[in-house]
Protein backbone atom coordinates (compact mmCIF):
# COMPACT_ATOMS: atom_id res chain seq x y z
CA MET A 1 -190.73 -70.15 28.56
CA TYR A 2 -189.31 -73.58 28.06
CA TYR A 3 -191.24 -74.11 24.74
CA GLN A 4 -189.55 -70.68 23.46
CA VAL A 5 -186.03 -71.60 24.48
CA ASN A 6 -186.27 -75.06 22.84
CA GLN A 7 -187.55 -73.88 19.63
CA THR A 8 -184.98 -71.22 19.44
CA LEU A 9 -182.17 -73.80 20.27
CA VAL A 10 -183.70 -76.28 17.54
CA LYS A 11 -183.91 -73.53 14.98
CA THR A 12 -180.14 -72.15 15.86
CA TYR A 13 -178.91 -75.85 15.54
CA TRP A 14 -181.11 -76.02 11.89
CA GLU A 15 -179.39 -72.77 10.92
CA ILE A 16 -176.08 -74.33 11.81
CA GLY A 17 -176.52 -77.44 9.76
CA LYS A 18 -177.75 -75.09 6.77
CA ARG A 19 -174.56 -73.00 6.86
CA ILE A 20 -172.50 -76.14 6.91
CA VAL A 21 -174.14 -77.52 4.07
CA GLU A 22 -174.98 -74.87 1.84
CA TYR A 23 -172.15 -72.52 2.46
CA GLU A 24 -169.16 -74.41 4.04
CA GLN A 25 -169.86 -77.52 1.82
CA LYS A 26 -171.36 -75.68 -1.25
CA GLY A 27 -174.30 -78.09 -1.42
CA GLU A 28 -172.10 -81.20 -1.88
CA GLU A 29 -172.08 -83.97 0.40
CA LYS A 30 -168.91 -83.35 2.01
CA ALA A 31 -166.64 -80.31 1.93
CA GLU A 32 -163.55 -80.19 -0.43
CA TYR A 33 -161.16 -80.14 2.71
CA GLY A 34 -163.02 -83.16 4.12
CA GLY A 35 -163.52 -83.99 7.80
CA LYS A 36 -161.20 -81.15 9.03
CA LEU A 37 -164.19 -78.77 8.45
CA LEU A 38 -166.40 -79.92 11.44
CA ASP A 39 -163.31 -80.43 13.84
CA LYS A 40 -162.48 -76.75 13.00
CA MET A 41 -166.16 -75.55 13.42
CA SER A 42 -166.49 -77.27 16.74
CA GLN A 43 -163.65 -75.92 18.17
CA ASP A 44 -164.46 -72.45 16.82
CA PHE A 45 -167.85 -72.59 18.35
CA ARG A 46 -166.61 -73.93 21.59
CA LEU A 47 -164.23 -71.18 22.01
CA ARG A 48 -166.99 -68.54 21.04
CA TYR A 49 -169.81 -70.08 22.62
CA GLY A 50 -168.95 -72.77 25.21
CA LYS A 51 -170.61 -75.85 25.78
CA GLY A 52 -172.76 -77.81 23.29
CA PHE A 53 -170.52 -77.53 20.42
CA SER A 54 -168.85 -80.80 20.41
CA ARG A 55 -167.67 -82.41 16.96
CA ARG A 56 -170.72 -84.91 17.44
CA ASN A 57 -173.12 -82.45 18.31
CA VAL A 58 -172.21 -80.25 15.10
CA LEU A 59 -172.55 -83.35 12.93
CA ASP A 60 -175.73 -83.96 14.34
CA MET A 61 -176.54 -80.28 13.21
CA ARG A 62 -175.68 -81.01 9.82
CA ARG A 63 -177.64 -84.14 9.56
CA PHE A 64 -180.33 -82.51 11.11
CA TYR A 65 -180.49 -79.88 8.42
CA LEU A 66 -179.88 -82.87 5.60
CA LEU A 67 -183.10 -84.55 6.94
CA TYR A 68 -185.22 -81.45 7.41
CA PRO A 69 -184.01 -79.06 4.82
CA ASN A 70 -187.65 -77.35 4.64
CA TRP A 71 -187.62 -75.50 8.34
CA GLN A 72 -191.63 -75.69 8.08
CA THR A 73 -191.21 -79.58 8.53
CA VAL A 74 -189.46 -79.40 11.81
CA SER A 75 -191.97 -79.58 14.62
CA ALA A 76 -192.02 -76.96 17.22
CA GLU A 77 -193.20 -79.59 19.97
CA LEU A 78 -190.12 -81.79 19.63
CA SER A 79 -186.86 -81.11 21.69
CA TRP A 80 -183.22 -81.08 20.23
CA SER A 81 -182.56 -84.17 22.30
CA HIS A 82 -185.54 -85.88 20.42
CA TYR A 83 -184.36 -85.13 17.03
CA VAL A 84 -181.02 -86.24 17.96
CA GLU A 85 -182.64 -89.55 18.76
CA LEU A 86 -184.42 -89.83 15.84
CA LEU A 87 -181.00 -88.96 13.68
CA SER A 88 -179.59 -91.92 15.19
CA LEU A 89 -182.09 -94.15 12.92
CA ASP A 90 -181.13 -95.16 9.22
CA ASP A 91 -184.67 -96.19 8.13
CA VAL A 92 -186.54 -93.07 6.80
CA LEU A 93 -190.01 -95.11 7.55
CA GLU A 94 -189.03 -95.83 11.02
CA LYS A 95 -187.89 -92.15 11.63
CA GLY A 96 -191.16 -90.80 10.44
CA PHE A 97 -193.09 -93.30 12.47
CA TYR A 98 -191.46 -92.41 15.68
CA GLU A 99 -191.57 -88.75 15.01
CA LYS A 100 -195.34 -89.04 14.69
CA GLN A 101 -195.58 -91.22 17.59
CA CYS A 102 -193.63 -88.86 19.59
CA LEU A 103 -195.98 -85.94 18.80
CA ARG A 104 -199.37 -88.19 18.83
CA GLU A 105 -198.50 -89.55 22.24
CA ARG A 106 -196.46 -86.51 23.69
CA TRP A 107 -193.40 -89.04 24.38
CA SER A 108 -190.77 -87.50 26.49
CA VAL A 109 -186.95 -88.47 25.13
CA ARG A 110 -186.73 -91.20 27.98
CA GLU A 111 -189.89 -92.71 26.42
CA LEU A 112 -188.77 -92.22 22.58
CA LYS A 113 -185.50 -93.97 23.53
CA ARG A 114 -187.42 -96.95 25.33
CA GLN A 115 -189.83 -97.46 22.38
CA ILE A 116 -186.67 -97.49 20.08
CA ASN A 117 -184.70 -99.72 22.32
CA SER A 118 -187.73 -102.28 22.35
CA ALA A 119 -188.23 -102.39 18.74
CA LEU A 120 -191.82 -101.01 18.62
CA PHE A 121 -191.47 -100.12 15.01
CA GLN A 122 -190.28 -103.52 14.00
CA ARG A 123 -192.52 -105.31 16.10
CA ILE A 124 -195.62 -103.39 14.47
CA ALA A 125 -194.01 -103.79 10.95
CA LEU A 126 -194.12 -107.51 11.49
CA SER A 127 -197.83 -107.34 12.01
CA LYS A 128 -198.49 -104.96 9.11
CA ASP A 129 -197.30 -103.46 5.82
CA LYS A 130 -194.47 -101.04 6.48
CA ARG A 131 -196.53 -98.05 4.99
CA GLY A 132 -199.60 -98.90 6.66
CA ILE A 133 -197.64 -98.22 9.88
CA LEU A 134 -197.24 -94.29 9.35
CA GLU A 135 -201.07 -94.31 8.87
């Protein structure tokens, strides 16, 4: 049951991100009417659906879609909280490393945060070439 609820939540947030990018922003990096878009959408969603639609969360939905524009590349095994942690990382290789480790080692969100905060990726990167890390 938890698995289905989580998958539905992640898919819903991906769809919202897709709508923001493709419809509201017309595929552009930003909407013509600037930062007010996310404020307005956040406010509308909260009025209609309640919690879970802060401006920050709506921004994360948009960023989530931009990072995973193909739904088939989104893992059903990771929660929205996992993805939010991954979105906080700037380096694409680092994101990929932690995503693969989460899946391989079945990390909880708490463990993912701990590993990011302990700079696991950087420590391994010092001992290997960056591309080799993902293998």
